C-alpha atoms as a PDB file:
ATOM      1  CA  UNK A   1      10.996  -5.204  -7.390  1.00  0.00           C
ATOM      2  CA  UNK A   2      12.005  -6.757  -4.041  1.00  0.00           C
ATOM      3  CA  UNK A   3       9.667  -6.308  -1.123  1.00  0.00           C
ATOM      4  CA  UNK A   4      10.949  -6.056   2.429  1.00  0.00           C
ATOM      5  CA  UNK A   5       8.686  -4.851   5.196  1.00  0.00           C
ATOM      6  CA  UNK A   6      10.843  -4.554   8.301  1.00  0.00           C
ATOM      7  CA  UNK A   7      11.701  -1.116   9.675  1.00  0.00           C
ATOM      8  CA  UNK A   8      10.448   0.881   6.709  1.00  0.00           C
ATOM      9  CA  UNK A   9      12.566  -1.081   4.263  1.00  0.00           C
ATOM     10  CA  UNK A  10       9.605  -1.381   1.873  1.00  0.00           C
ATOM     11  CA  UNK A  11       9.704   2.354   1.329  1.00  0.00           C
ATOM     12  CA  UNK A  12      13.455   2.340   0.910  1.00  0.00           C
ATOM     13  CA  UNK A  13      13.150  -0.339  -1.756  1.00  0.00           C
ATOM     14  CA  UNK A  14      10.492   1.654  -3.629  1.00  0.00           C
ATOM     15  CA  UNK A  15      11.813   5.177  -3.276  1.00  0.00           C
ATOM     16  CA  UNK A  16      15.268   5.096  -1.742  1.00  0.00           C
ATOM     17  CA  UNK A  17      13.951   6.772   1.420  1.00  0.00           C
ATOM     18  CA  UNK A  18      11.981   5.952   4.520  1.00  0.00           C
ATOM     19  CA  UNK A  19       8.526   7.572   4.717  1.00  0.00           C
ATOM     20  CA  UNK A  20       7.059   7.660   8.265  1.00  0.00           C
ATOM     21  CA  UNK A  21       3.709   6.072   7.356  1.00  0.00           C
ATOM     22  CA  UNK A  22       5.451   3.077   5.809  1.00  0.00           C
ATOM     23  CA  UNK A  23       7.721   2.732   8.846  1.00  0.00           C
ATOM     24  CA  UNK A  24       4.607   2.525  11.023  1.00  0.00           C
ATOM     25  CA  UNK A  25       2.838   0.114   8.668  1.00  0.00           C
ATOM     26  CA  UNK A  26       5.918  -2.125   8.517  1.00  0.00           C
ATOM     27  CA  UNK A  27       5.073  -3.257  12.057  1.00  0.00           C
ATOM     28  CA  UNK A  28       2.174  -5.160  10.449  1.00  0.00           C
ATOM     29  CA  UNK A  29       3.531  -6.632   7.174  1.00  0.00           C
ATOM     30  CA  UNK A  30       0.102  -7.505   5.666  1.00  0.00           C
ATOM     31  CA  UNK A  31      -0.891  -3.825   5.911  1.00  0.00           C
ATOM     32  CA  UNK A  32       2.366  -2.631   4.403  1.00  0.00           C
ATOM     33  CA  UNK A  33       2.137  -5.267   1.683  1.00  0.00           C
ATOM     34  CA  UNK A  34      -1.370  -4.079   0.810  1.00  0.00           C
ATOM     35  CA  UNK A  35      -0.142  -0.520   0.326  1.00  0.00           C
ATOM     36  CA  UNK A  36       2.764  -1.671  -1.808  1.00  0.00           C
ATOM     37  CA  UNK A  37       0.433  -3.786  -3.949  1.00  0.00           C
ATOM     38  CA  UNK A  38      -1.929  -0.827  -4.408  1.00  0.00           C
ATOM     39  CA  UNK A  39       0.973   1.435  -5.362  1.00  0.00           C
ATOM     40  CA  UNK A  40       2.266  -1.088  -7.879  1.00  0.00           C
ATOM     41  CA  UNK A  41      -1.198  -1.563  -9.411  1.00  0.00           C
ATOM     42  CA  UNK A  42      -1.814   2.182  -9.725  1.00  0.00           C
ATOM     43  CA  UNK A  43       1.623   3.125 -11.006  1.00  0.00           C
ATOM     44  CA  UNK A  44       2.583   0.088 -13.086  1.00  0.00           C
ATOM     45  CA  UNK A  45      -0.659  -1.728 -13.945  1.00  0.00           C
ATOM     46  CA  UNK A  46      -2.678  -1.381 -17.133  1.00  0.00           C
ATOM     47  CA  UNK A  47      -4.114   2.122 -17.508  1.00  0.00           C
ATOM     48  CA  UNK A  48      -5.202   4.593 -20.166  1.00  0.00           C
ATOM     49  CA  UNK A  49      -2.725   7.015 -18.505  1.00  0.00           C
ATOM     50  CA  UNK A  50       0.973   6.934 -19.282  1.00  0.00           C
ATOM     51  CA  UNK A  51       3.470   6.441 -16.477  1.00  0.00           C
ATOM     52  CA  UNK A  52       4.448  10.101 -16.824  1.00  0.00           C
ATOM     53  CA  UNK A  53       0.805  11.206 -16.439  1.00  0.00           C
ATOM     54  CA  UNK A  54       0.404   9.037 -13.330  1.00  0.00           C
ATOM     55  CA  UNK A  55       3.548  10.528 -11.794  1.00  0.00           C
ATOM     56  CA  UNK A  56       2.336  14.057 -12.579  1.00  0.00           C
ATOM     57  CA  UNK A  57      -1.009  13.358 -10.911  1.00  0.00           C
ATOM     58  CA  UNK A  58       0.728  11.916  -7.858  1.00  0.00           C
ATOM     59  CA  UNK A  59       2.930  15.004  -7.543  1.00  0.00           C
ATOM     60  CA  UNK A  60      -0.010  17.419  -7.929  1.00  0.00           C
ATOM     61  CA  UNK A  61      -2.107  15.566  -5.330  1.00  0.00           C
ATOM     62  CA  UNK A  62       0.834  15.345  -2.920  1.00  0.00           C
ATOM     63  CA  UNK A  63       1.492  19.089  -3.310  1.00  0.00           C
ATOM     64  CA  UNK A  64      -2.203  19.923  -2.812  1.00  0.00           C
ATOM     65  CA  UNK A  65      -2.189  17.853   0.388  1.00  0.00           C
ATOM     66  CA  UNK A  66       1.172  19.307   1.487  1.00  0.00           C
ATOM     67  CA  UNK A  67       2.699  15.831   1.507  1.00  0.00           C
ATOM     68  CA  UNK A  68       6.192  14.758   0.497  1.00  0.00           C
ATOM     69  CA  UNK A  69       6.242  12.561  -2.560  1.00  0.00           C
END
């Protein structure tokens, strides 16, 4: 997965959209890179949860927090 951090491009690469928090973090690439690495570890790294279960949890948490996912 390519990683670009200028102008919210990291988010566009991951999701096809530009999320405001990632646009702000892209001003400081090490911060944005840290978030992307965390996301990759949580969603794609070894886990007892399936990818589908991880996605379901992310959607439920985002909905509970009234966030777009």
